[in-house]
Amino acid sequence: TSSIHDFSAGVAHRGASIRIPRGVAEDKKGYLEDRR
């Protein structure tokens, strides 16, 4: 999980607030995952 106090984002990062899936980063299109 991410920290409730901080916002973060990253590719394939399951400890971030927002994760960009690896396939999305490679295709340069798709969706974002809000893990909060």
ModelCIF file with pLDDT and N, C-alpha, C, O atoms, coordinates in Angstrom:
data_MODEL
#
_entry.id   MODEL 
#
_entity.id                         1 
_entity.type                       polymer 
_entity.pdbx_number_of_molecules   1 
#
_entity_poly.entity_id                      1 
_entity_poly.type                           'polypeptide(L)' 
_entity_poly.nstd_linkage                   no 
_entity_poly.nstd_monomer                   no 
_entity_poly.pdbx_seq_one_letter_code       TSSIHDFSAGVAHRGASIRIPRGVAEDKKGYLEDRR 
_entity_poly.pdbx_seq_one_letter_code_can   TSSIHDFSAGVAHRGASIRIPRGVAEDKKGYLEDRR 
_entity_poly.pdbx_strand_id                 A 
#
loop_
_entity_poly_seq.entity_id 
_entity_poly_seq.num 
_entity_poly_seq.mon_id 
_entity_poly_seq.hetero 
1 1  THR n 
1 2  SER n 
1 3  SER n 
1 4  ILE n 
1 5  HIS n 
1 6  ASP n 
1 7  PHE n 
1 8  SER n 
1 9  ALA n 
1 10 GLY n 
1 11 VAL n 
1 12 ALA n 
1 13 HIS n 
1 14 ARG n 
1 15 GLY n 
1 16 ALA n 
1 17 SER n 
1 18 ILE n 
1 19 ARG n 
1 20 ILE n 
1 21 PRO n 
1 22 ARG n 
1 23 GLY n 
1 24 VAL n 
1 25 ALA n 
1 26 GLU n 
1 27 ASP n 
1 28 LYS n 
1 29 LYS n 
1 30 GLY n 
1 31 TYR n 
1 32 LEU n 
1 33 GLU n 
1 34 ASP n 
1 35 ARG n 
1 36 ARG n 
#
_struct_asym.id          A 
_struct_asym.entity_id   1 
#
loop_
_ma_qa_metric.id 
_ma_qa_metric.mode 
_ma_qa_metric.name 
_ma_qa_metric.software_group_id 
_ma_qa_metric.type 
1 global pLDDT . pLDDT 
2 local  pLDDT . pLDDT 
#
_ma_qa_metric_global.metric_id      1 
_ma_qa_metric_global.metric_value   94.83 
_ma_qa_metric_global.model_id       1 
_ma_qa_metric_global.ordinal_id     1 
#
loop_
_ma_qa_metric_local.label_asym_id 
_ma_qa_metric_local.label_comp_id 
_ma_qa_metric_local.label_seq_id 
_ma_qa_metric_local.metric_id 
_ma_qa_metric_local.metric_value 
_ma_qa_metric_local.model_id 
_ma_qa_metric_local.ordinal_id 
A THR 1  2 92.00 1 1  
A SER 2  2 93.00 1 2  
A SER 3  2 93.00 1 3  
A ILE 4  2 95.00 1 4  
A HIS 5  2 95.00 1 5  
A ASP 6  2 95.00 1 6  
A PHE 7  2 96.00 1 7  
A SER 8  2 95.00 1 8  
A ALA 9  2 95.00 1 9  
A GLY 10 2 93.00 1 10 
A VAL 11 2 93.00 1 11 
A ALA 12 2 89.00 1 12 
A HIS 13 2 90.00 1 13 
A ARG 14 2 86.00 1 14 
A GLY 15 2 89.00 1 15 
A ALA 16 2 94.00 1 16 
A SER 17 2 96.00 1 17 
A ILE 18 2 97.00 1 18 
A ARG 19 2 96.00 1 19 
A ILE 20 2 96.00 1 20 
A PRO 21 2 95.00 1 21 
A ARG 22 2 96.00 1 22 
A GLY 23 2 96.00 1 23 
A VAL 24 2 96.00 1 24 
A ALA 25 2 96.00 1 25 
A GLU 26 2 96.00 1 26 
A ASP 27 2 97.00 1 27 
A LYS 28 2 97.00 1 28 
A LYS 29 2 97.00 1 29 
A GLY 30 2 97.00 1 30 
A TYR 31 2 98.00 1 31 
A LEU 32 2 97.00 1 32 
A GLU 33 2 97.00 1 33 
A ASP 34 2 97.00 1 34 
A ARG 35 2 97.00 1 35 
A ARG 36 2 97.00 1 36 
#
loop_
_atom_site.group_PDB 
_atom_site.id 
_atom_site.type_symbol 
_atom_site.label_atom_id 
_atom_site.label_alt_id 
_atom_site.label_comp_id 
_atom_site.label_asym_id 
_atom_site.label_entity_id 
_atom_site.label_seq_id 
_atom_site.pdbx_PDB_ins_code 
_atom_site.Cartn_x 
_atom_site.Cartn_y 
_atom_site.Cartn_z 
_atom_site.occupancy 
_atom_site.B_iso_or_equiv 
_atom_site.pdbx_formal_charge 
_atom_site.auth_seq_id 
_atom_site.auth_comp_id 
_atom_site.auth_asym_id 
_atom_site.auth_atom_id 
_atom_site.pdbx_PDB_model_num 
ATOM 1   N N  . THR A 1 1  ? 0.839  -1.198 0.000   1.00 92.00 ? 1  THR A N  1 
ATOM 2   C CA . THR A 1 1  ? 0.000  0.000  0.000   1.00 92.00 ? 1  THR A CA 1 
ATOM 3   C C  . THR A 1 1  ? 0.872  1.245  0.000   1.00 92.00 ? 1  THR A C  1 
ATOM 4   O O  . THR A 1 1  ? 2.045  1.209  0.369   1.00 92.00 ? 1  THR A O  1 
ATOM 5   N N  . SER A 1 2  ? 0.266  2.344  -0.424  1.00 93.00 ? 2  SER A N  1 
ATOM 6   C CA . SER A 1 2  ? 0.912  3.648  -0.292  1.00 93.00 ? 2  SER A CA 1 
ATOM 7   C C  . SER A 1 2  ? 0.583  4.214  1.081   1.00 93.00 ? 2  SER A C  1 
ATOM 8   O O  . SER A 1 2  ? -0.251 3.661  1.798   1.00 93.00 ? 2  SER A O  1 
ATOM 9   N N  . SER A 1 3  ? 1.226  5.301  1.446   1.00 93.00 ? 3  SER A N  1 
ATOM 10  C CA . SER A 1 3  ? 0.890  5.998  2.685   1.00 93.00 ? 3  SER A CA 1 
ATOM 11  C C  . SER A 1 3  ? -0.330 6.874  2.448   1.00 93.00 ? 3  SER A C  1 
ATOM 12  O O  . SER A 1 3  ? -0.437 7.546  1.422   1.00 93.00 ? 3  SER A O  1 
ATOM 13  N N  . ILE A 1 4  ? -1.242 6.861  3.399   1.00 95.00 ? 4  ILE A N  1 
ATOM 14  C CA . ILE A 1 4  ? -2.446 7.681  3.278   1.00 95.00 ? 4  ILE A CA 1 
ATOM 15  C C  . ILE A 1 4  ? -2.111 9.167  3.253   1.00 95.00 ? 4  ILE A C  1 
ATOM 16  O O  . ILE A 1 4  ? -2.908 9.973  2.771   1.00 95.00 ? 4  ILE A O  1 
ATOM 17  N N  . HIS A 1 5  ? -0.954 9.532  3.760   1.00 95.00 ? 5  HIS A N  1 
ATOM 18  C CA . HIS A 1 5  ? -0.592 10.946 3.898   1.00 95.00 ? 5  HIS A CA 1 
ATOM 19  C C  . HIS A 1 5  ? 0.081  11.517 2.653   1.00 95.00 ? 5  HIS A C  1 
ATOM 20  O O  . HIS A 1 5  ? 0.163  12.736 2.502   1.00 95.00 ? 5  HIS A O  1 
ATOM 21  N N  . ASP A 1 6  ? 0.560  10.662 1.769   1.00 95.00 ? 6  ASP A N  1 
ATOM 22  C CA . ASP A 1 6  ? 1.344  11.129 0.621   1.00 95.00 ? 6  ASP A CA 1 
ATOM 23  C C  . ASP A 1 6  ? 0.774  10.593 -0.676  1.00 95.00 ? 6  ASP A C  1 
ATOM 24  O O  . ASP A 1 6  ? 0.285  9.465  -0.733  1.00 95.00 ? 6  ASP A O  1 
ATOM 25  N N  . PHE A 1 7  ? 0.842  11.410 -1.718  1.00 96.00 ? 7  PHE A N  1 
ATOM 26  C CA . PHE A 1 7  ? 0.430  10.973 -3.053  1.00 96.00 ? 7  PHE A CA 1 
ATOM 27  C C  . PHE A 1 7  ? 1.663  10.523 -3.819  1.00 96.00 ? 7  PHE A C  1 
ATOM 28  O O  . PHE A 1 7  ? 2.714  11.161 -3.754  1.00 96.00 ? 7  PHE A O  1 
ATOM 29  N N  . SER A 1 8  ? 1.526  9.408  -4.552  1.00 95.00 ? 8  SER A N  1 
ATOM 30  C CA . SER A 1 8  ? 2.642  8.908  -5.348  1.00 95.00 ? 8  SER A CA 1 
ATOM 31  C C  . SER A 1 8  ? 2.093  8.201  -6.577  1.00 95.00 ? 8  SER A C  1 
ATOM 32  O O  . SER A 1 8  ? 0.928  7.804  -6.612  1.00 95.00 ? 8  SER A O  1 
ATOM 33  N N  . ALA A 1 9  ? 2.938  8.051  -7.573  1.00 95.00 ? 9  ALA A N  1 
ATOM 34  C CA . ALA A 1 9  ? 2.552  7.356  -8.805  1.00 95.00 ? 9  ALA A CA 1 
ATOM 35  C C  . ALA A 1 9  ? 3.782  6.697  -9.390  1.00 95.00 ? 9  ALA A C  1 
ATOM 36  O O  . ALA A 1 9  ? 4.902  7.169  -9.194  1.00 95.00 ? 9  ALA A O  1 
ATOM 37  N N  . GLY A 1 10 ? 3.573  5.602  -10.110 1.00 93.00 ? 10 GLY A N  1 
ATOM 38  C CA . GLY A 1 10 ? 4.703  4.917  -10.725 1.00 93.00 ? 10 GLY A CA 1 
ATOM 39  C C  . GLY A 1 10 ? 4.242  3.797  -11.635 1.00 93.00 ? 10 GLY A C  1 
ATOM 40  O O  . GLY A 1 10 ? 3.115  3.313  -11.532 1.00 93.00 ? 10 GLY A O  1 
ATOM 41  N N  . VAL A 1 11 ? 5.128  3.395  -12.522 1.00 93.00 ? 11 VAL A N  1 
ATOM 42  C CA . VAL A 1 11 ? 4.855  2.290  -13.442 1.00 93.00 ? 11 VAL A CA 1 
ATOM 43  C C  . VAL A 1 11 ? 5.060  0.969  -12.701 1.00 93.00 ? 11 VAL A C  1 
ATOM 44  O O  . VAL A 1 11 ? 6.124  0.728  -12.131 1.00 93.00 ? 11 VAL A O  1 
ATOM 45  N N  . ALA A 1 12 ? 4.036  0.118  -12.714 1.00 89.00 ? 12 ALA A N  1 
ATOM 46  C CA . ALA A 1 12 ? 4.088  -1.223 -12.106 1.00 89.00 ? 12 ALA A CA 1 
ATOM 47  C C  . ALA A 1 12 ? 4.436  -1.161 -10.613 1.00 89.00 ? 12 ALA A C  1 
ATOM 48  O O  . ALA A 1 12 ? 4.995  -2.114 -10.072 1.00 89.00 ? 12 ALA A O  1 
ATOM 49  N N  . HIS A 1 13 ? 4.116  -0.067 -9.955  1.00 90.00 ? 13 HIS A N  1 
ATOM 50  C CA . HIS A 1 13 ? 4.489  0.149  -8.551  1.00 90.00 ? 13 HIS A CA 1 
ATOM 51  C C  . HIS A 1 13 ? 3.273  -0.084 -7.653  1.00 90.00 ? 13 HIS A C  1 
ATOM 52  O O  . HIS A 1 13 ? 2.376  0.756  -7.593  1.00 90.00 ? 13 HIS A O  1 
ATOM 53  N N  . ARG A 1 14 ? 3.241  -1.224 -6.955  1.00 86.00 ? 14 ARG A N  1 
ATOM 54  C CA . ARG A 1 14 ? 2.090  -1.573 -6.122  1.00 86.00 ? 14 ARG A CA 1 
ATOM 55  C C  . ARG A 1 14 ? 2.104  -0.863 -4.766  1.00 86.00 ? 14 ARG A C  1 
ATOM 56  O O  . ARG A 1 14 ? 1.168  -1.008 -3.979  1.00 86.00 ? 14 ARG A O  1 
ATOM 57  N N  . GLY A 1 15 ? 3.137  -0.115 -4.501  1.00 89.00 ? 15 GLY A N  1 
ATOM 58  C CA . GLY A 1 15 ? 3.178  0.679  -3.283  1.00 89.00 ? 15 GLY A CA 1 
ATOM 59  C C  . GLY A 1 15 ? 2.901  2.151  -3.555  1.00 89.00 ? 15 GLY A C  1 
ATOM 60  O O  . GLY A 1 15 ? 3.192  3.009  -2.722  1.00 89.00 ? 15 GLY A O  1 
ATOM 61  N N  . ALA A 1 16 ? 2.340  2.436  -4.718  1.00 94.00 ? 16 ALA A N  1 
ATOM 62  C CA . ALA A 1 16 ? 2.034  3.820  -5.089  1.00 94.00 ? 16 ALA A CA 1 
ATOM 63  C C  . ALA A 1 16 ? 0.531  4.075  -5.007  1.00 94.00 ? 16 ALA A C  1 
ATOM 64  O O  . ALA A 1 16 ? -0.274 3.145  -5.058  1.00 94.00 ? 16 ALA A O  1 
ATOM 65  N N  . SER A 1 17 ? 0.171  5.346  -4.880  1.00 96.00 ? 17 SER A N  1 
ATOM 66  C CA . SER A 1 17 ? -1.246 5.715  -4.900  1.00 96.00 ? 17 SER A CA 1 
ATOM 67  C C  . SER A 1 17 ? -1.867 5.365  -6.247  1.00 96.00 ? 17 SER A C  1 
ATOM 68  O O  . SER A 1 17 ? -2.949 4.781  -6.314  1.00 96.00 ? 17 SER A O  1 
ATOM 69  N N  . ILE A 1 18 ? -1.164 5.733  -7.323  1.00 97.00 ? 18 ILE A N  1 
ATOM 70  C CA . ILE A 1 18 ? -1.615 5.465  -8.683  1.00 97.00 ? 18 ILE A CA 1 
ATOM 71  C C  . ILE A 1 18 ? -0.570 4.607  -9.375  1.00 97.00 ? 18 ILE A C  1 
ATOM 72  O O  . ILE A 1 18 ? 0.606  4.967  -9.425  1.00 97.00 ? 18 ILE A O  1 
ATOM 73  N N  . ARG A 1 19 ? -0.999 3.479  -9.904  1.00 96.00 ? 19 ARG A N  1 
ATOM 74  C CA . ARG A 1 19 ? -0.100 2.585  -10.644 1.00 96.00 ? 19 ARG A CA 1 
ATOM 75  C C  . ARG A 1 19 ? -0.433 2.664  -12.131 1.00 96.00 ? 19 ARG A C  1 
ATOM 76  O O  . ARG A 1 19 ? -1.595 2.552  -12.523 1.00 96.00 ? 19 ARG A O  1 
ATOM 77  N N  . ILE A 1 20 ? 0.589  2.856  -12.944 1.00 96.00 ? 20 ILE A N  1 
ATOM 78  C CA . ILE A 1 20 ? 0.446  2.710  -14.390 1.00 96.00 ? 20 ILE A CA 1 
ATOM 79  C C  . ILE A 1 20 ? 0.887  1.290  -14.723 1.00 96.00 ? 20 ILE A C  1 
ATOM 80  O O  . ILE A 1 20 ? 2.063  0.968  -14.554 1.00 96.00 ? 20 ILE A O  1 
ATOM 81  N N  . PRO A 1 21 ? -0.004 0.441  -15.186 1.00 95.00 ? 21 PRO A N  1 
ATOM 82  C CA . PRO A 1 21 ? 0.387  -0.934 -15.502 1.00 95.00 ? 21 PRO A CA 1 
ATOM 83  C C  . PRO A 1 21 ? 1.513  -0.978 -16.543 1.00 95.00 ? 21 PRO A C  1 
ATOM 84  O O  . PRO A 1 21 ? 1.601  -0.107 -17.409 1.00 95.00 ? 21 PRO A O  1 
ATOM 85  N N  . ARG A 1 22 ? 2.367  -1.998 -16.448 1.00 96.00 ? 22 ARG A N  1 
ATOM 86  C CA . ARG A 1 22 ? 3.511  -2.106 -17.357 1.00 96.00 ? 22 ARG A CA 1 
ATOM 87  C C  . ARG A 1 22 ? 3.075  -2.079 -18.823 1.00 96.00 ? 22 ARG A C  1 
ATOM 88  O O  . ARG A 1 22 ? 3.696  -1.417 -19.654 1.00 96.00 ? 22 ARG A O  1 
ATOM 89  N N  . GLY A 1 23 ? 2.002  -2.805 -19.125 1.00 96.00 ? 23 GLY A N  1 
ATOM 90  C CA . GLY A 1 23 ? 1.531  -2.854 -20.506 1.00 96.00 ? 23 GLY A CA 1 
ATOM 91  C C  . GLY A 1 23 ? 1.072  -1.505 -21.018 1.00 96.00 ? 23 GLY A C  1 
ATOM 92  O O  . GLY A 1 23 ? 1.241  -1.196 -22.198 1.00 96.00 ? 23 GLY A O  1 
ATOM 93  N N  . VAL A 1 24 ? 0.494  -0.701 -20.141 1.00 96.00 ? 24 VAL A N  1 
ATOM 94  C CA . VAL A 1 24 ? 0.034  0.641  -20.526 1.00 96.00 ? 24 VAL A CA 1 
ATOM 95  C C  . VAL A 1 24 ? 1.233  1.523  -20.857 1.00 96.00 ? 24 VAL A C  1 
ATOM 96  O O  . VAL A 1 24 ? 1.211  2.267  -21.838 1.00 96.00 ? 24 VAL A O  1 
ATOM 97  N N  . ALA A 1 25 ? 2.271  1.440  -20.042 1.00 96.00 ? 25 ALA A N  1 
ATOM 98  C CA . ALA A 1 25 ? 3.473  2.243  -20.286 1.00 96.00 ? 25 ALA A CA 1 
ATOM 99  C C  . ALA A 1 25 ? 4.118  1.860  -21.620 1.00 96.00 ? 25 ALA A C  1 
ATOM 100 O O  . ALA A 1 25 ? 4.623  2.719  -22.342 1.00 96.00 ? 25 ALA A O  1 
ATOM 101 N N  . GLU A 1 26 ? 4.097  0.564  -21.939 1.00 96.00 ? 26 GLU A N  1 
ATOM 102 C CA . GLU A 1 26 ? 4.705  0.111  -23.191 1.00 96.00 ? 26 GLU A CA 1 
ATOM 103 C C  . GLU A 1 26 ? 3.857  0.489  -24.410 1.00 96.00 ? 26 GLU A C  1 
ATOM 104 O O  . GLU A 1 26 ? 4.384  0.863  -25.458 1.00 96.00 ? 26 GLU A O  1 
ATOM 105 N N  . ASP A 1 27 ? 2.525  0.384  -24.248 1.00 97.00 ? 27 ASP A N  1 
ATOM 106 C CA . ASP A 1 27 ? 1.630  0.718  -25.373 1.00 97.00 ? 27 ASP A CA 1 
ATOM 107 C C  . ASP A 1 27 ? 1.397  2.217  -25.520 1.00 97.00 ? 27 ASP A C  1 
ATOM 108 O O  . ASP A 1 27 ? 0.927  2.696  -26.552 1.00 97.00 ? 27 ASP A O  1 
ATOM 109 N N  . LYS A 1 28 ? 1.742  2.948  -24.452 1.00 97.00 ? 28 LYS A N  1 
ATOM 110 C CA . LYS A 1 28 ? 1.536  4.398  -24.410 1.00 97.00 ? 28 LYS A CA 1 
ATOM 111 C C  . LYS A 1 28 ? 0.058  4.778  -24.529 1.00 97.00 ? 28 LYS A C  1 
ATOM 112 O O  . LYS A 1 28 ? -0.275 5.829  -25.078 1.00 97.00 ? 28 LYS A O  1 
ATOM 113 N N  . LYS A 1 29 ? -0.806 3.937  -24.024 1.00 97.00 ? 29 LYS A N  1 
ATOM 114 C CA . LYS A 1 29 ? -2.242 4.212  -23.961 1.00 97.00 ? 29 LYS A CA 1 
ATOM 115 C C  . LYS A 1 29 ? -2.897 3.176  -23.065 1.00 97.00 ? 29 LYS A C  1 
ATOM 116 O O  . LYS A 1 29 ? -2.338 2.115  -22.788 1.00 97.00 ? 29 LYS A O  1 
ATOM 117 N N  . GLY A 1 30 ? -4.130 3.525  -22.610 1.00 97.00 ? 30 GLY A N  1 
ATOM 118 C CA . GLY A 1 30 ? -4.837 2.558  -21.767 1.00 97.00 ? 30 GLY A CA 1 
ATOM 119 C C  . GLY A 1 30 ? -5.534 3.200  -20.584 1.00 97.00 ? 30 GLY A C  1 
ATOM 120 O O  . GLY A 1 30 ? -6.490 3.956  -20.754 1.00 97.00 ? 30 GLY A O  1 
ATOM 121 N N  . TYR A 1 31 ? -5.051 2.897  -19.369 1.00 98.00 ? 31 TYR A N  1 
ATOM 122 C CA . TYR A 1 31 ? -5.767 3.316  -18.165 1.00 98.00 ? 31 TYR A CA 1 
ATOM 123 C C  . TYR A 1 31 ? -4.793 3.464  -16.999 1.00 98.00 ? 31 TYR A C  1 
ATOM 124 O O  . TYR A 1 31 ? -3.631 3.065  -17.080 1.00 98.00 ? 31 TYR A O  1 
ATOM 125 N N  . LEU A 1 32 ? -5.293 4.040  -15.926 1.00 97.00 ? 32 LEU A N  1 
ATOM 126 C CA . LEU A 1 32 ? -4.530 4.114  -14.675 1.00 97.00 ? 32 LEU A CA 1 
ATOM 127 C C  . LEU A 1 32 ? -5.261 3.309  -13.602 1.00 97.00 ? 32 LEU A C  1 
ATOM 128 O O  . LEU A 1 32 ? -6.469 3.090  -13.687 1.00 97.00 ? 32 LEU A O  1 
ATOM 129 N N  . GLU A 1 33 ? -4.515 2.879  -12.605 1.00 97.00 ? 33 GLU A N  1 
ATOM 130 C CA . GLU A 1 33 ? -5.106 2.139  -11.488 1.00 97.00 ? 33 GLU A CA 1 
ATOM 131 C C  . GLU A 1 33 ? -4.965 2.960  -10.205 1.00 97.00 ? 33 GLU A C  1 
ATOM 132 O O  . GLU A 1 33 ? -3.853 3.236  -9.755  1.00 97.00 ? 33 GLU A O  1 
ATOM 133 N N  . ASP A 1 34 ? -6.093 3.344  -9.628  1.00 97.00 ? 34 ASP A N  1 
ATOM 134 C CA . ASP A 1 34 ? -6.097 4.039  -8.341  1.00 97.00 ? 34 ASP A CA 1 
ATOM 135 C C  . ASP A 1 34 ? -6.165 2.975  -7.244  1.00 97.00 ? 34 ASP A C  1 
ATOM 136 O O  . ASP A 1 34 ? -7.170 2.276  -7.116  1.00 97.00 ? 34 ASP A O  1 
ATOM 137 N N  . ARG A 1 35 ? -5.104 2.856  -6.459  1.00 97.00 ? 35 ARG A N  1 
ATOM 138 C CA . ARG A 1 35 ? -5.004 1.789  -5.465  1.00 97.00 ? 35 ARG A CA 1 
ATOM 139 C C  . ARG A 1 35 ? -5.455 2.240  -4.078  1.00 97.00 ? 35 ARG A C  1 
ATOM 140 O O  . ARG A 1 35 ? -5.304 1.500  -3.106  1.00 97.00 ? 35 ARG A O  1 
ATOM 141 N N  . ARG A 1 36 ? -6.001 3.438  -3.981  1.00 97.00 ? 36 ARG A N  1 
ATOM 142 C CA . ARG A 1 36 ? -6.369 3.970  -2.669  1.00 97.00 ? 36 ARG A CA 1 
ATOM 143 C C  . ARG A 1 36 ? -7.747 3.548  -2.157  1.00 97.00 ? 36 ARG A C  1 
ATOM 144 O O  . ARG A 1 36 ? -8.146 3.945  -1.063  1.00 97.00 ? 36 ARG A O  1 
#
